[in-house]
Amino acid sequence: AHEMIGLPKESVLFPNYPNPFNMETTIPYQIMQEGEYLVAIYNTTGQLVRTLHSGFIPYGLHKLSWNGLDDQSQPVSSGVYLISLLGKDTRDLRKLMLLK
């Protein structure tokens, strides 16, 4: 079997948009192997800010959005944050910037 050109072999985060963002940003990602995943936002010191998804995700292209709130529904400060996609075969990180 030949592989499709340009299709990632492992699950991957795509660039969020808009970035930098003010009110809300959309985070697209591709799951190549269905299973349990954690999609979360961290600050630059590595502290968990917001869990966007924890649990089963099927194969395919998906989207989540983040509105700049933490897990306590409090607005976070402007700055750089990291989106993490974590799974059995995957550890992907991307930077995003919140500007207020």
N, C-alpha and C. Protein backbone atom coordinates (compact mmCIF):
# COMPACT_ATOMS: atom_id res chain seq x y z
N ALA A 1 0.84 -1.19 0.00
CA ALA A 1 0.00 0.00 0.00
C ALA A 1 0.88 1.24 0.00
N HIS A 2 0.54 2.20 -0.83
CA HIS A 2 1.32 3.43 -0.84
C HIS A 2 0.68 4.45 0.09
N GLU A 3 1.51 5.34 0.61
CA GLU A 3 1.02 6.33 1.56
C GLU A 3 0.58 7.58 0.82
N MET A 4 -0.45 8.22 1.36
CA MET A 4 -0.90 9.48 0.78
C MET A 4 0.13 10.56 1.08
N ILE A 5 0.45 11.32 0.08
CA ILE A 5 1.42 12.40 0.25
C ILE A 5 0.86 13.45 1.20
N GLY A 6 1.68 13.89 2.15
CA GLY A 6 1.29 15.01 2.99
C GLY A 6 0.43 14.65 4.18
N LEU A 7 0.03 13.41 4.31
CA LEU A 7 -0.78 13.01 5.46
C LEU A 7 0.15 12.64 6.61
N PRO A 8 -0.04 13.23 7.79
CA PRO A 8 0.86 12.90 8.88
C PRO A 8 0.72 11.44 9.29
N LYS A 9 1.85 10.84 9.70
CA LYS A 9 1.83 9.45 10.14
C LYS A 9 1.36 9.32 11.57
N GLU A 10 1.59 10.38 12.37
CA GLU A 10 1.11 10.34 13.74
C GLU A 10 0.20 11.53 13.98
N SER A 11 -0.51 11.47 15.07
CA SER A 11 -1.45 12.53 15.40
C SER A 11 -0.69 13.84 15.57
N VAL A 12 -1.32 14.94 15.18
CA VAL A 12 -0.61 16.22 15.10
C VAL A 12 -1.54 17.39 15.38
N LEU A 13 -0.98 18.41 16.04
CA LEU A 13 -1.67 19.68 16.21
C LEU A 13 -1.36 20.56 15.00
N PHE A 14 -2.37 21.23 14.47
CA PHE A 14 -2.14 22.22 13.42
C PHE A 14 -2.13 23.61 14.06
N PRO A 15 -1.61 24.62 13.36
CA PRO A 15 -1.58 25.96 13.95
C PRO A 15 -2.97 26.44 14.32
N ASN A 16 -3.08 26.99 15.51
CA ASN A 16 -4.37 27.55 15.93
C ASN A 16 -4.61 28.87 15.20
N TYR A 17 -5.85 29.25 15.09
CA TYR A 17 -6.19 30.52 14.42
C TYR A 17 -7.38 31.15 15.11
N PRO A 18 -7.45 32.48 15.25
CA PRO A 18 -6.31 33.35 14.99
C PRO A 18 -5.22 33.17 16.04
N ASN A 19 -4.01 33.58 15.70
CA ASN A 19 -2.88 33.55 16.63
C ASN A 19 -1.94 34.68 16.25
N PRO A 20 -1.74 35.69 17.11
CA PRO A 20 -2.29 35.85 18.45
C PRO A 20 -3.82 36.01 18.43
N PHE A 21 -4.44 35.74 19.57
CA PHE A 21 -5.89 35.88 19.64
C PHE A 21 -6.28 36.73 20.83
N ASN A 22 -7.53 37.20 20.78
CA ASN A 22 -8.03 38.07 21.85
C ASN A 22 -9.15 37.37 22.61
N MET A 23 -10.22 36.99 21.94
CA MET A 23 -11.37 36.40 22.62
C MET A 23 -11.36 34.87 22.58
N GLU A 24 -11.06 34.33 21.43
CA GLU A 24 -11.15 32.88 21.27
C GLU A 24 -10.26 32.44 20.12
N THR A 25 -9.69 31.25 20.25
CA THR A 25 -8.88 30.70 19.17
C THR A 25 -9.34 29.27 18.89
N THR A 26 -9.22 28.86 17.64
CA THR A 26 -9.60 27.51 17.22
C THR A 26 -8.34 26.67 17.05
N ILE A 27 -8.38 25.46 17.58
CA ILE A 27 -7.23 24.56 17.57
C ILE A 27 -7.58 23.31 16.77
N PRO A 28 -7.13 23.22 15.51
CA PRO A 28 -7.40 22.02 14.71
C PRO A 28 -6.34 20.95 14.97
N TYR A 29 -6.75 19.70 14.94
CA TYR A 29 -5.79 18.62 15.13
C TYR A 29 -6.26 17.36 14.40
N GLN A 30 -5.29 16.53 14.06
CA GLN A 30 -5.54 15.31 13.30
C GLN A 30 -5.17 14.11 14.17
N ILE A 31 -6.11 13.22 14.34
CA ILE A 31 -5.86 11.98 15.09
C ILE A 31 -5.68 10.84 14.09
N MET A 32 -4.50 10.22 14.12
CA MET A 32 -4.20 9.14 13.19
C MET A 32 -4.52 7.77 13.77
N GLN A 33 -4.50 7.68 15.09
CA GLN A 33 -4.76 6.41 15.75
C GLN A 33 -5.74 6.69 16.88
N GLU A 34 -6.99 6.22 16.72
CA GLU A 34 -7.99 6.55 17.74
C GLU A 34 -7.56 5.99 19.09
N GLY A 35 -7.97 6.68 20.13
CA GLY A 35 -7.59 6.25 21.46
C GLY A 35 -7.77 7.37 22.46
N GLU A 36 -7.11 7.22 23.61
CA GLU A 36 -7.22 8.19 24.69
C GLU A 36 -6.20 9.32 24.48
N TYR A 37 -6.68 10.54 24.54
CA TYR A 37 -5.81 11.70 24.36
C TYR A 37 -6.15 12.76 25.40
N LEU A 38 -5.13 13.57 25.68
CA LEU A 38 -5.31 14.75 26.51
C LEU A 38 -4.93 15.96 25.66
N VAL A 39 -5.86 16.91 25.54
CA VAL A 39 -5.56 18.17 24.87
C VAL A 39 -5.69 19.24 25.95
N ALA A 40 -4.58 19.95 26.22
CA ALA A 40 -4.58 20.87 27.34
C ALA A 40 -3.74 22.10 27.04
N ILE A 41 -4.01 23.15 27.79
CA ILE A 41 -3.27 24.41 27.69
C ILE A 41 -2.40 24.54 28.94
N TYR A 42 -1.13 24.87 28.73
CA TYR A 42 -0.19 25.09 29.82
C TYR A 42 0.40 26.48 29.71
N ASN A 43 0.85 27.03 30.84
CA ASN A 43 1.62 28.27 30.77
C ASN A 43 3.09 27.93 30.53
N THR A 44 3.91 28.95 30.37
CA THR A 44 5.30 28.70 29.98
C THR A 44 6.12 28.07 31.10
N THR A 45 5.60 28.08 32.34
CA THR A 45 6.31 27.37 33.41
C THR A 45 5.85 25.92 33.53
N GLY A 46 4.94 25.51 32.65
CA GLY A 46 4.51 24.12 32.62
C GLY A 46 3.32 23.80 33.50
N GLN A 47 2.71 24.82 34.08
CA GLN A 47 1.52 24.57 34.90
C GLN A 47 0.29 24.40 34.00
N LEU A 48 -0.55 23.44 34.35
CA LEU A 48 -1.79 23.21 33.62
C LEU A 48 -2.72 24.40 33.83
N VAL A 49 -3.20 24.96 32.73
CA VAL A 49 -4.12 26.10 32.79
C VAL A 49 -5.55 25.64 32.53
N ARG A 50 -5.71 24.82 31.48
CA ARG A 50 -7.06 24.42 31.08
C ARG A 50 -7.01 23.07 30.37
N THR A 51 -7.85 22.14 30.80
CA THR A 51 -8.00 20.88 30.09
C THR A 51 -9.12 21.05 29.07
N LEU A 52 -8.79 20.92 27.78
CA LEU A 52 -9.80 21.09 26.73
C LEU A 52 -10.50 19.78 26.41
N HIS A 53 -9.75 18.68 26.49
CA HIS A 53 -10.35 17.36 26.24
C HIS A 53 -9.49 16.30 26.92
N SER A 54 -10.16 15.37 27.58
CA SER A 54 -9.46 14.23 28.15
C SER A 54 -10.33 13.00 27.91
N GLY A 55 -9.81 12.06 27.14
CA GLY A 55 -10.60 10.86 26.87
C GLY A 55 -10.45 10.40 25.43
N PHE A 56 -11.39 9.59 25.02
CA PHE A 56 -11.33 8.96 23.70
C PHE A 56 -11.53 9.99 22.59
N ILE A 57 -10.72 9.88 21.55
CA ILE A 57 -10.91 10.68 20.33
C ILE A 57 -10.80 9.74 19.15
N PRO A 58 -11.80 9.73 18.25
CA PRO A 58 -11.73 8.87 17.08
C PRO A 58 -10.77 9.41 16.03
N TYR A 59 -10.42 8.56 15.10
CA TYR A 59 -9.59 8.93 13.95
C TYR A 59 -10.20 10.12 13.22
N GLY A 60 -9.36 10.99 12.69
CA GLY A 60 -9.86 12.05 11.82
C GLY A 60 -9.41 13.43 12.24
N LEU A 61 -9.98 14.41 11.56
CA LEU A 61 -9.66 15.82 11.81
C LEU A 61 -10.67 16.38 12.79
N HIS A 62 -10.17 17.07 13.80
CA HIS A 62 -11.04 17.61 14.86
C HIS A 62 -10.65 19.05 15.15
N LYS A 63 -11.53 19.75 15.88
CA LYS A 63 -11.25 21.13 16.28
C LYS A 63 -11.73 21.33 17.71
N LEU A 64 -10.95 22.08 18.46
CA LEU A 64 -11.37 22.56 19.77
C LEU A 64 -11.18 24.07 19.77
N SER A 65 -11.85 24.75 20.68
CA SER A 65 -11.57 26.18 20.81
C SER A 65 -11.24 26.49 22.27
N TRP A 66 -10.49 27.56 22.46
CA TRP A 66 -10.15 28.03 23.79
C TRP A 66 -10.46 29.50 23.89
N ASN A 67 -11.16 29.86 24.97
CA ASN A 67 -11.63 31.23 25.15
C ASN A 67 -10.79 32.01 26.15
N GLY A 68 -9.58 31.53 26.49
CA GLY A 68 -8.71 32.28 27.38
C GLY A 68 -9.06 32.15 28.85
N LEU A 69 -9.93 31.19 29.19
CA LEU A 69 -10.27 30.95 30.59
C LEU A 69 -9.54 29.71 31.11
N ASP A 70 -9.26 29.70 32.41
CA ASP A 70 -8.63 28.53 33.00
C ASP A 70 -9.70 27.53 33.46
N ASP A 71 -9.27 26.47 34.14
CA ASP A 71 -10.21 25.43 34.58
C ASP A 71 -11.19 25.94 35.64
N GLN A 72 -10.89 27.08 36.26
CA GLN A 72 -11.82 27.69 37.23
C GLN A 72 -12.68 28.78 36.58
N SER A 73 -12.66 28.84 35.24
CA SER A 73 -13.42 29.83 34.46
C SER A 73 -12.96 31.26 34.73
N GLN A 74 -11.71 31.42 35.17
CA GLN A 74 -11.12 32.74 35.35
C GLN A 74 -10.31 33.11 34.12
N PRO A 75 -10.39 34.38 33.67
CA PRO A 75 -9.57 34.78 32.53
C PRO A 75 -8.08 34.74 32.88
N VAL A 76 -7.28 34.24 31.98
CA VAL A 76 -5.84 34.21 32.20
C VAL A 76 -5.22 35.49 31.63
N SER A 77 -3.99 35.79 32.05
CA SER A 77 -3.35 37.03 31.59
C SER A 77 -2.80 36.87 30.18
N SER A 78 -2.54 37.99 29.55
CA SER A 78 -1.92 37.99 28.23
C SER A 78 -0.58 37.29 28.29
N GLY A 79 -0.19 36.68 27.17
CA GLY A 79 1.12 36.04 27.12
C GLY A 79 1.12 34.81 26.26
N VAL A 80 2.22 34.09 26.36
CA VAL A 80 2.42 32.88 25.56
C VAL A 80 1.94 31.67 26.36
N TYR A 81 1.20 30.79 25.68
CA TYR A 81 0.73 29.54 26.27
C TYR A 81 1.08 28.40 25.33
N LEU A 82 1.02 27.19 25.84
CA LEU A 82 1.33 26.01 25.04
C LEU A 82 0.11 25.11 24.96
N ILE A 83 -0.21 24.66 23.75
CA ILE A 83 -1.23 23.63 23.57
C ILE A 83 -0.48 22.31 23.49
N SER A 84 -0.98 21.32 24.20
CA SER A 84 -0.35 20.00 24.19
C SER A 84 -1.37 18.96 23.75
N LEU A 85 -0.95 18.11 22.83
CA LEU A 85 -1.73 16.93 22.43
C LEU A 85 -0.93 15.72 22.87
N LEU A 86 -1.49 14.97 23.80
CA LEU A 86 -0.77 13.85 24.40
C LEU A 86 -1.56 12.57 24.20
N GLY A 87 -0.91 11.55 23.65
CA GLY A 87 -1.55 10.25 23.48
C GLY A 87 -0.48 9.17 23.49
N LYS A 88 -0.92 7.95 23.27
CA LYS A 88 0.00 6.80 23.32
C LYS A 88 1.15 6.97 22.34
N ASP A 89 0.85 7.42 21.12
CA ASP A 89 1.87 7.52 20.07
C ASP A 89 2.28 8.96 19.81
N THR A 90 1.83 9.89 20.62
CA THR A 90 1.89 11.30 20.26
C THR A 90 2.24 12.18 21.44
N ARG A 91 3.13 13.12 21.17
CA ARG A 91 3.36 14.21 22.10
C ARG A 91 3.65 15.42 21.24
N ASP A 92 2.67 16.29 21.06
CA ASP A 92 2.85 17.44 20.19
C ASP A 92 2.57 18.71 20.98
N LEU A 93 3.36 19.74 20.73
CA LEU A 93 3.22 21.02 21.42
C LEU A 93 3.20 22.14 20.41
N ARG A 94 2.38 23.16 20.68
CA ARG A 94 2.39 24.36 19.87
C ARG A 94 2.24 25.57 20.77
N LYS A 95 2.87 26.67 20.35
CA LYS A 95 2.73 27.92 21.11
C LYS A 95 1.55 28.70 20.59
N LEU A 96 0.86 29.37 21.51
CA LEU A 96 -0.15 30.33 21.10
C LEU A 96 -0.01 31.57 21.95
N MET A 97 -0.51 32.68 21.46
CA MET A 97 -0.36 33.93 22.18
C MET A 97 -1.71 34.60 22.38
N LEU A 98 -1.97 34.93 23.64
CA LEU A 98 -3.18 35.64 24.02
C LEU A 98 -2.84 37.11 24.23
N LEU A 99 -3.51 37.97 23.49
CA LEU A 99 -3.32 39.42 23.61
C LEU A 99 -4.65 40.04 24.00
N LYS A 100 -4.64 40.80 25.09
CA LYS A 100 -5.89 41.43 25.52
C LYS A 100 -5.89 42.92 25.22
